Amino acid sequence: MAKKKIPLQPENFELETNTVWAFPNRGKWATHDAKYRGNWSPYIPRNVILRYSVENDTVLDQFVGGGTTAVEAKLTNRNFIGIDINPTAIELSKKKCDFEFDCNCTCDIRLGNAVKLDLPDDSIDLICTHPPYADIIKYSEDIDGDLSHLPIKPFLTEMGKVAEECFRVLKKGKFCAILMGDTRKKGMVQSLGFDTMRLFELAGFKTKEIIIKEQHNCKATGFWKKNSIKHNFLLLAHEYLFVFKKL
């Protein structure tokens, strides 16, 4: 039996038109999958890229992770720069982009640090990225500078540096989109989302959109559902997609 051919593009795709996004079917076209823990649905970078850039623009994801943004940049004919502090993420992202597709774009995926980008000022047309949420998921064992090992306070300090670098490398009049979720400590919500938004505003950005992205298919839902009832707290079922503009 012939192997079923996987489509390179999503079927019946339409741009999101309001500020609440939900993707129960996370998307499995091209080389996308959910094997890299915590990676975002390809519908998110596809919406961001198509709405806030044009073909042959240069898109940056400095937390390239599993390569979802890289694949979408290729499929939408954008030049792409992917950066990550983790060599495993770099290797995986390169493999994800290793498929035939008729485009004239470039794809540069390399080791680097989001708090100090090796990029010129005003060189990027769009930033589309999904950082770790402090130390909720650790993405490496002991890589120096890996933000996924940091508790909330030092994590936010480093995110302030990330915001400043985003502002530096982005062209004037262009957009920066970043997905961030909240967490809980001792039963109390820790507002990583809005804390991150304020850091980007302090760096000079203006907030254009605050999008609520519903979470689906989360791991350990059964365990946390029982505990939420036992200890009387609500399960966090959303993330924030902030879209900033450099005026």
C-alpha atoms as a PDB file:
ATOM      1  CA  MET A   1       0.000   0.000   0.000  1.00  0.00           C
ATOM      2  CA  ALA A   2       1.352   3.427  -0.983  1.00  0.00           C
ATOM      3  CA  LYS A   3       2.173   5.768   1.868  1.00  0.00           C
ATOM      4  CA  LYS A   4      -0.344   8.596   2.210  1.00  0.00           C
ATOM      5  CA  LYS A   5       1.122  11.868   0.998  1.00  0.00           C
ATOM      6  CA  ILE A   6       1.062  14.600   3.629  1.00  0.00           C
ATOM      7  CA  PRO A   7      -0.151  17.982   2.287  1.00  0.00           C
ATOM      8  CA  LEU A   8       2.269  20.894   2.409  1.00  0.00           C
ATOM      9  CA  GLN A   9      -0.445  23.453   3.153  1.00  0.00           C
ATOM     10  CA  PRO A  10      -3.465  23.440   5.501  1.00  0.00           C
ATOM     11  CA  GLU A  11      -6.842  22.790   3.912  1.00  0.00           C
ATOM     12  CA  ASN A  12      -9.447  25.575   3.854  1.00  0.00           C
ATOM     13  CA  PHE A  13      -7.233  27.968   5.789  1.00  0.00           C
ATOM     14  CA  GLU A  14      -8.704  31.346   6.758  1.00  0.00           C
ATOM     15  CA  LEU A  15      -7.052  34.149   8.696  1.00  0.00           C
ATOM     16  CA  GLU A  16      -8.307  34.664  12.244  1.00  0.00           C
ATOM     17  CA  THR A  17     -10.400  37.826  12.502  1.00  0.00           C
ATOM     18  CA  ASN A  18     -11.005  38.293  16.244  1.00  0.00           C
ATOM     19  CA  THR A  19      -8.976  38.281  19.446  1.00  0.00           C
ATOM     20  CA  VAL A  20      -9.824  34.758  20.631  1.00  0.00           C
ATOM     21  CA  TRP A  21      -8.042  31.914  18.826  1.00  0.00           C
ATOM     22  CA  ALA A  22      -8.669  28.201  19.305  1.00  0.00           C
ATOM     23  CA  PHE A  23      -7.085  25.307  17.415  1.00  0.00           C
ATOM     24  CA  PRO A  24      -8.379  21.986  18.816  1.00  0.00           C
ATOM     25  CA  ASN A  25      -6.844  20.329  15.748  1.00  0.00           C
ATOM     26  CA  ARG A  26      -3.352  21.787  16.064  1.00  0.00           C
ATOM     27  CA  GLY A  27      -2.370  21.188  12.424  1.00  0.00           C
ATOM     28  CA  LYS A  28      -0.343  18.381  10.825  1.00  0.00           C
ATOM     29  CA  TRP A  29       0.550  19.595   7.340  1.00  0.00           C
ATOM     30  CA  ALA A  30       4.121  19.546   5.980  1.00  0.00           C
ATOM     31  CA  THR A  31       6.550  18.335   8.687  1.00  0.00           C
ATOM     32  CA  HIS A  32       4.580  19.646  11.683  1.00  0.00           C
ATOM     33  CA  ASP A  33       3.965  17.448  14.720  1.00  0.00           C
ATOM     34  CA  ALA A  34       3.652  17.793  18.507  1.00  0.00           C
ATOM     35  CA  LYS A  35       6.760  15.810  19.466  1.00  0.00           C
ATOM     36  CA  TYR A  36       8.698  18.863  20.697  1.00  0.00           C
ATOM     37  CA  ARG A  37       7.070  19.517  24.040  1.00  0.00           C
ATOM     38  CA  GLY A  38       5.368  22.878  24.384  1.00  0.00           C
ATOM     39  CA  ASN A  39       5.675  23.852  20.719  1.00  0.00           C
ATOM     40  CA  TRP A  40       2.886  25.994  19.336  1.00  0.00           C
ATOM     41  CA  SER A  41       0.283  25.146  16.741  1.00  0.00           C
ATOM     42  CA  PRO A  42       1.467  26.089  13.228  1.00  0.00           C
ATOM     43  CA  TYR A  43      -1.787  27.993  12.820  1.00  0.00           C
ATOM     44  CA  ILE A  44      -0.348  30.682  15.115  1.00  0.00           C
ATOM     45  CA  PRO A  45       2.809  31.602  13.173  1.00  0.00           C
ATOM     46  CA  ARG A  46       0.907  31.177   9.883  1.00  0.00           C
ATOM     47  CA  ASN A  47      -1.668  33.763  10.971  1.00  0.00           C
ATOM     48  CA  VAL A  48       1.023  36.127  12.258  1.00  0.00           C
ATOM     49  CA  ILE A  49       3.269  35.783   9.203  1.00  0.00           C
ATOM     50  CA  LEU A  50       0.468  36.255   6.677  1.00  0.00           C
ATOM     51  CA  ARG A  51      -1.054  39.226   8.491  1.00  0.00           C
ATOM     52  CA  TYR A  52       2.083  41.151   9.474  1.00  0.00           C
ATOM     53  CA  SER A  53       4.574  40.477   6.654  1.00  0.00           C
ATOM     54  CA  VAL A  54       4.802  40.018   2.887  1.00  0.00           C
ATOM     55  CA  GLU A  55       6.684  37.561   0.689  1.00  0.00           C
ATOM     56  CA  ASN A  56      10.484  37.855   0.810  1.00  0.00           C
ATOM     57  CA  ASP A  57      10.396  39.663   4.165  1.00  0.00           C
ATOM     58  CA  THR A  58      12.785  38.379   6.849  1.00  0.00           C
ATOM     59  CA  VAL A  59      11.143  36.664   9.825  1.00  0.00           C
ATOM     60  CA  LEU A  60      13.014  36.042  13.089  1.00  0.00           C
ATOM     61  CA  ASP A  61      12.293  33.429  15.755  1.00  0.00           C
ATOM     62  CA  GLN A  62      14.990  33.596  18.438  1.00  0.00           C
ATOM     63  CA  PHE A  63      13.440  30.702  20.399  1.00  0.00           C
ATOM     64  CA  VAL A  64      13.195  28.444  17.355  1.00  0.00           C
ATOM     65  CA  GLY A  65      12.635  25.271  19.412  1.00  0.00           C
ATOM     66  CA  GLY A  66      10.993  22.575  17.292  1.00  0.00           C
ATOM     67  CA  GLY A  67      11.074  24.642  14.110  1.00  0.00           C
ATOM     68  CA  THR A  68       7.364  25.390  13.669  1.00  0.00           C
ATOM     69  CA  THR A  69       7.904  29.036  12.718  1.00  0.00           C
ATOM     70  CA  ALA A  70      10.744  28.049  10.403  1.00  0.00           C
ATOM     71  CA  VAL A  71       8.516  25.669   8.450  1.00  0.00           C
ATOM     72  CA  GLU A  72       5.742  28.256   8.151  1.00  0.00           C
ATOM     73  CA  ALA A  73       8.165  30.909   6.946  1.00  0.00           C
ATOM     74  CA  LYS A  74       9.332  28.545   4.216  1.00  0.00           C
ATOM     75  CA  LEU A  75       5.763  27.617   3.209  1.00  0.00           C
ATOM     76  CA  THR A  76       4.793  31.307   2.959  1.00  0.00           C
ATOM     77  CA  ASN A  77       7.949  32.317   1.050  1.00  0.00           C
ATOM     78  CA  ARG A  78       9.580  34.421   3.736  1.00  0.00           C
ATOM     79  CA  ASN A  79      13.290  34.538   4.506  1.00  0.00           C
ATOM     80  CA  PHE A  80      13.878  33.102   7.955  1.00  0.00           C
ATOM     81  CA  ILE A  81      16.398  33.447  10.758  1.00  0.00           C
ATOM     82  CA  GLY A  82      16.029  30.919  13.546  1.00  0.00           C
ATOM     83  CA  ILE A  83      18.098  31.122  16.720  1.00  0.00           C
ATOM     84  CA  ASP A  84      18.217  28.917  19.802  1.00  0.00           C
ATOM     85  CA  ILE A  85      20.652  28.375  22.654  1.00  0.00           C
ATOM     86  CA  ASN A  86      20.053  24.618  22.491  1.00  0.00           C
ATOM     87  CA  PRO A  87      21.953  22.605  19.809  1.00  0.00           C
ATOM     88  CA  THR A  88      19.234  19.931  19.901  1.00  0.00           C
ATOM     89  CA  ALA A  89      16.638  22.506  18.861  1.00  0.00           C
ATOM     90  CA  ILE A  90      18.884  23.711  16.022  1.00  0.00           C
ATOM     91  CA  GLU A  91      19.343  20.185  14.690  1.00  0.00           C
ATOM     92  CA  LEU A  92      15.618  19.417  14.901  1.00  0.00           C
ATOM     93  CA  SER A  93      14.586  22.689  13.231  1.00  0.00           C
ATOM     94  CA  LYS A  94      16.961  22.094  10.336  1.00  0.00           C
ATOM     95  CA  LYS A  95      15.493  18.618   9.820  1.00  0.00           C
ATOM     96  CA  LYS A  96      11.969  20.037   9.889  1.00  0.00           C
ATOM     97  CA  CYS A  97      12.840  22.411   7.051  1.00  0.00           C
ATOM     98  CA  ASP A  98      14.453  19.705   4.948  1.00  0.00           C
ATOM     99  CA  PHE A  99      11.648  19.157   2.440  1.00  0.00           C
ATOM    100  CA  GLU A 100      11.109  20.144  -1.159  1.00  0.00           C
ATOM    101  CA  PHE A 101       9.088  23.278  -1.733  1.00  0.00           C
ATOM    102  CA  ASP A 102       9.189  25.730  -4.609  1.00  0.00           C
ATOM    103  CA  CYS A 103      10.225  29.047  -3.054  1.00  0.00           C
ATOM    104  CA  ASN A 104      13.049  31.549  -3.360  1.00  0.00           C
ATOM    105  CA  CYS A 105      13.485  32.180   0.347  1.00  0.00           C
ATOM    106  CA  THR A 106      16.503  31.613   2.595  1.00  0.00           C
ATOM    107  CA  CYS A 107      16.550  29.736   5.895  1.00  0.00           C
ATOM    108  CA  ASP A 108      19.331  30.463   8.395  1.00  0.00           C
ATOM    109  CA  ILE A 109      19.062  28.409  11.602  1.00  0.00           C
ATOM    110  CA  ARG A 110      21.912  28.773  14.076  1.00  0.00           C
ATOM    111  CA  LEU A 111      23.044  28.743  17.684  1.00  0.00           C
ATOM    112  CA  GLY A 112      22.675  31.999  19.541  1.00  0.00           C
ATOM    113  CA  ASN A 113      21.260  33.755  22.564  1.00  0.00           C
ATOM    114  CA  ALA A 114      18.003  35.719  22.509  1.00  0.00           C
ATOM    115  CA  VAL A 115      19.283  38.185  25.106  1.00  0.00           C
ATOM    116  CA  LYS A 116      22.182  39.205  22.832  1.00  0.00           C
ATOM    117  CA  LEU A 117      21.393  38.687  19.164  1.00  0.00           C
ATOM    118  CA  ASP A 118      24.177  38.619  16.605  1.00  0.00           C
ATOM    119  CA  LEU A 119      22.103  40.680  14.178  1.00  0.00           C
ATOM    120  CA  PRO A 120      22.361  44.257  12.862  1.00  0.00           C
ATOM    121  CA  ASP A 121      20.062  47.032  14.039  1.00  0.00           C
ATOM    122  CA  ASP A 122      16.849  47.473  12.038  1.00  0.00           C
ATOM    123  CA  SER A 123      17.348  44.303   9.990  1.00  0.00           C
ATOM    124  CA  ILE A 124      14.204  42.233  10.696  1.00  0.00           C
ATOM    125  CA  ASP A 125      10.733  42.618   9.150  1.00  0.00           C
ATOM    126  CA  LEU A 126       8.818  40.459  11.643  1.00  0.00           C
ATOM    127  CA  ILE A 127       9.526  38.713  14.936  1.00  0.00           C
ATOM    128  CA  CYS A 128       7.339  35.691  15.609  1.00  0.00           C
ATOM    129  CA  THR A 129       8.412  33.723  18.673  1.00  0.00           C
ATOM    130  CA  HIS A 130       7.347  31.455  21.518  1.00  0.00           C
ATOM    131  CA  PRO A 131       9.740  31.610  24.517  1.00  0.00           C
ATOM    132  CA  PRO A 132       9.665  29.205  27.479  1.00  0.00           C
ATOM    133  CA  TYR A 133       7.368  30.143  30.337  1.00  0.00           C
ATOM    134  CA  ALA A 134      10.045  30.505  33.020  1.00  0.00           C
ATOM    135  CA  ASP A 135      10.921  27.042  34.397  1.00  0.00           C
ATOM    136  CA  ILE A 136       7.622  25.255  33.663  1.00  0.00           C
ATOM    137  CA  ILE A 137       9.314  23.066  31.017  1.00  0.00           C
ATOM    138  CA  LYS A 138      13.096  22.685  31.080  1.00  0.00           C
ATOM    139  CA  TYR A 139      14.436  22.317  27.547  1.00  0.00           C
ATOM    140  CA  SER A 140      18.032  21.348  28.362  1.00  0.00           C
ATOM    141  CA  GLU A 141      20.058  19.754  31.136  1.00  0.00           C
ATOM    142  CA  ASP A 142      22.608  22.418  31.948  1.00  0.00           C
ATOM    143  CA  ILE A 143      23.057  24.912  29.104  1.00  0.00           C
ATOM    144  CA  ASP A 144      24.288  28.224  30.482  1.00  0.00           C
ATOM    145  CA  GLY A 145      21.807  30.953  29.583  1.00  0.00           C
ATOM    146  CA  ASP A 146      18.844  28.647  28.985  1.00  0.00           C
ATOM    147  CA  LEU A 147      15.868  30.723  30.185  1.00  0.00           C
ATOM    148  CA  SER A 148      13.802  27.581  30.814  1.00  0.00           C
ATOM    149  CA  HIS A 149      15.838  26.946  33.985  1.00  0.00           C
ATOM    150  CA  LEU A 150      15.044  30.316  35.564  1.00  0.00           C
ATOM    151  CA  PRO A 151      12.454  31.005  38.282  1.00  0.00           C
ATOM    152  CA  ILE A 152      10.009  33.799  37.558  1.00  0.00           C
ATOM    153  CA  LYS A 153      11.931  36.841  38.843  1.00  0.00           C
ATOM    154  CA  PRO A 154      15.260  36.185  37.062  1.00  0.00           C
ATOM    155  CA  PHE A 155      13.327  34.942  34.026  1.00  0.00           C
ATOM    156  CA  LEU A 156      11.555  38.293  33.718  1.00  0.00           C
ATOM    157  CA  THR A 157      14.881  40.116  34.101  1.00  0.00           C
ATOM    158  CA  GLU A 158      16.197  38.197  31.094  1.00  0.00           C
ATOM    159  CA  MET A 159      12.962  38.733  29.153  1.00  0.00           C
ATOM    160  CA  GLY A 160      13.509  42.451  29.581  1.00  0.00           C
ATOM    161  CA  LYS A 161      16.812  42.006  27.727  1.00  0.00           C
ATOM    162  CA  VAL A 162      15.035  39.936  25.055  1.00  0.00           C
ATOM    163  CA  ALA A 163      12.522  42.760  24.578  1.00  0.00           C
ATOM    164  CA  GLU A 164      15.300  45.322  24.166  1.00  0.00           C
ATOM    165  CA  GLU A 165      17.014  43.138  21.558  1.00  0.00           C
ATOM    166  CA  CYS A 166      13.726  42.681  19.705  1.00  0.00           C
ATOM    167  CA  PHE A 167      13.292  46.437  19.554  1.00  0.00           C
ATOM    168  CA  ARG A 168      16.874  46.932  18.374  1.00  0.00           C
ATOM    169  CA  VAL A 169      16.820  44.467  15.461  1.00  0.00           C
ATOM    170  CA  LEU A 170      13.264  45.139  14.246  1.00  0.00           C
ATOM    171  CA  LYS A 171      12.711  47.695  11.492  1.00  0.00           C
ATOM    172  CA  LYS A 172      10.647  50.771  12.273  1.00  0.00           C
ATOM    173  CA  GLY A 173       6.951  50.286  11.554  1.00  0.00           C
ATOM    174  CA  LYS A 174       7.226  46.481  11.812  1.00  0.00           C
ATOM    175  CA  PHE A 175       5.706  43.973  14.225  1.00  0.00           C
ATOM    176  CA  CYS A 176       6.799  41.598  16.980  1.00  0.00           C
ATOM    177  CA  ALA A 177       4.479  38.751  18.057  1.00  0.00           C
ATOM    178  CA  ILE A 178       5.188  36.726  21.177  1.00  0.00           C
ATOM    179  CA  LEU A 179       3.179  33.955  22.864  1.00  0.00           C
ATOM    180  CA  MET A 180       3.330  33.816  26.656  1.00  0.00           C
ATOM    181  CA  GLY A 181       1.298  31.991  29.303  1.00  0.00           C
ATOM    182  CA  ASP A 182       0.785  32.377  33.036  1.00  0.00           C
ATOM    183  CA  THR A 183       1.581  29.918  35.806  1.00  0.00           C
ATOM    184  CA  ARG A 184       0.735  29.280  39.463  1.00  0.00           C
ATOM    185  CA  LYS A 185       2.846  29.271  42.594  1.00  0.00           C
ATOM    186  CA  LYS A 186       1.336  28.089  45.865  1.00  0.00           C
ATOM    187  CA  GLY A 187      -2.136  28.327  44.374  1.00  0.00           C
ATOM    188  CA  MET A 188      -1.775  31.930  43.222  1.00  0.00           C
ATOM    189  CA  VAL A 189      -1.628  33.069  39.591  1.00  0.00           C
ATOM    190  CA  GLN A 190       1.704  34.476  38.443  1.00  0.00           C
ATOM    191  CA  SER A 191       1.004  36.889  35.586  1.00  0.00           C
ATOM    192  CA  LEU A 192       3.910  36.033  33.277  1.00  0.00           C
ATOM    193  CA  GLY A 193       1.813  37.166  30.327  1.00  0.00           C
ATOM    194  CA  PHE A 194       1.105  40.750  31.360  1.00  0.00           C
ATOM    195  CA  ASP A 195       4.503  41.087  33.045  1.00  0.00           C
ATOM    196  CA  THR A 196       6.075  40.230  29.686  1.00  0.00           C
ATOM    197  CA  MET A 197       3.811  42.702  27.896  1.00  0.00           C
ATOM    198  CA  ARG A 198       4.963  45.502  30.218  1.00  0.00           C
ATOM    199  CA  LEU A 199       8.619  44.642  29.579  1.00  0.00           C
ATOM    200  CA  PHE A 200       8.113  44.989  25.838  1.00  0.00           C
ATOM    201  CA  GLU A 201       6.340  48.296  26.317  1.00  0.00           C
ATOM    202  CA  LEU A 202       9.213  49.505  28.512  1.00  0.00           C
ATOM    203  CA  ALA A 203      11.598  48.539  25.705  1.00  0.00           C
ATOM    204  CA  GLY A 204       9.769  50.963  23.415  1.00  0.00           C
ATOM    205  CA  PHE A 205       7.059  48.891  21.746  1.00  0.00           C
ATOM    206  CA  LYS A 206       3.387  49.807  21.485  1.00  0.00           C
ATOM    207  CA  THR A 207       0.836  47.030  22.011  1.00  0.00           C
ATOM    208  CA  LYS A 208      -1.307  46.557  18.913  1.00  0.00           C
ATOM    209  CA  GLU A 209      -3.193  43.378  19.857  1.00  0.00           C
ATOM    210  CA  ILE A 210      -3.783  41.147  22.886  1.00  0.00           C
ATOM    211  CA  ILE A 211      -5.040  37.791  21.617  1.00  0.00           C
ATOM    212  CA  ILE A 212      -6.391  35.076  23.907  1.00  0.00           C
ATOM    213  CA  LYS A 213      -5.283  31.690  22.641  1.00  0.00           C
ATOM    214  CA  GLU A 214      -7.211  28.748  24.095  1.00  0.00           C
ATOM    215  CA  GLN A 215      -5.171  25.746  25.175  1.00  0.00           C
ATOM    216  CA  HIS A 216      -6.124  22.241  24.066  1.00  0.00           C
ATOM    217  CA  ASN A 217      -4.722  18.734  24.525  1.00  0.00           C
ATOM    218  CA  CYS A 218      -2.618  19.670  27.552  1.00  0.00           C
ATOM    219  CA  LYS A 219      -0.644  16.889  29.240  1.00  0.00           C
ATOM    220  CA  ALA A 220      -1.542  15.810  32.811  1.00  0.00           C
ATOM    221  CA  THR A 221      -5.018  17.363  32.525  1.00  0.00           C
ATOM    222  CA  GLY A 222      -6.603  14.552  34.557  1.00  0.00           C
ATOM    223  CA  PHE A 223      -4.123  14.944  37.410  1.00  0.00           C
ATOM    224  CA  TRP A 224      -4.550  18.714  37.545  1.00  0.00           C
ATOM    225  CA  LYS A 225      -8.334  18.508  37.229  1.00  0.00           C
ATOM    226  CA  LYS A 226      -8.511  16.410  40.407  1.00  0.00           C
ATOM    227  CA  ASN A 227      -6.160  18.769  42.227  1.00  0.00           C
ATOM    228  CA  SER A 228      -8.027  21.865  41.066  1.00  0.00           C
ATOM    229  CA  ILE A 229     -11.163  20.554  42.736  1.00  0.00           C
ATOM    230  CA  LYS A 230      -9.335  19.365  45.836  1.00  0.00           C
ATOM    231  CA  HIS A 231      -7.448  22.640  46.363  1.00  0.00           C
ATOM    232  CA  ASN A 232     -10.043  24.991  44.854  1.00  0.00           C
ATOM    233  CA  PHE A 233      -8.306  26.642  41.899  1.00  0.00           C
ATOM    234  CA  LEU A 234      -9.156  27.032  38.212  1.00  0.00           C
ATOM    235  CA  LEU A 235      -7.066  25.381  35.521  1.00  0.00           C
ATOM    236  CA  LEU A 236      -5.234  27.842  33.317  1.00  0.00           C
ATOM    237  CA  ALA A 237      -6.599  27.178  29.828  1.00  0.00           C
ATOM    238  CA  HIS A 238      -5.338  30.153  27.858  1.00  0.00           C
ATOM    239  CA  GLU A 239      -2.197  31.909  26.700  1.00  0.00           C
ATOM    240  CA  TYR A 240      -1.607  35.436  25.432  1.00  0.00           C
ATOM    241  CA  LEU A 241      -0.386  36.291  21.970  1.00  0.00           C
ATOM    242  CA  PHE A 242       0.898  39.854  22.143  1.00  0.00           C
ATOM    243  CA  VAL A 243       1.458  41.772  18.929  1.00  0.00           C
ATOM    244  CA  PHE A 244       3.716  44.802  19.366  1.00  0.00           C
ATOM    245  CA  LYS A 245       4.643  47.507  16.886  1.00  0.00           C
ATOM    246  CA  LYS A 246       7.845  49.512  16.678  1.00  0.00           C
ATOM    247  CA  LEU A 247       6.702  53.033  15.834  1.00  0.00           C
END
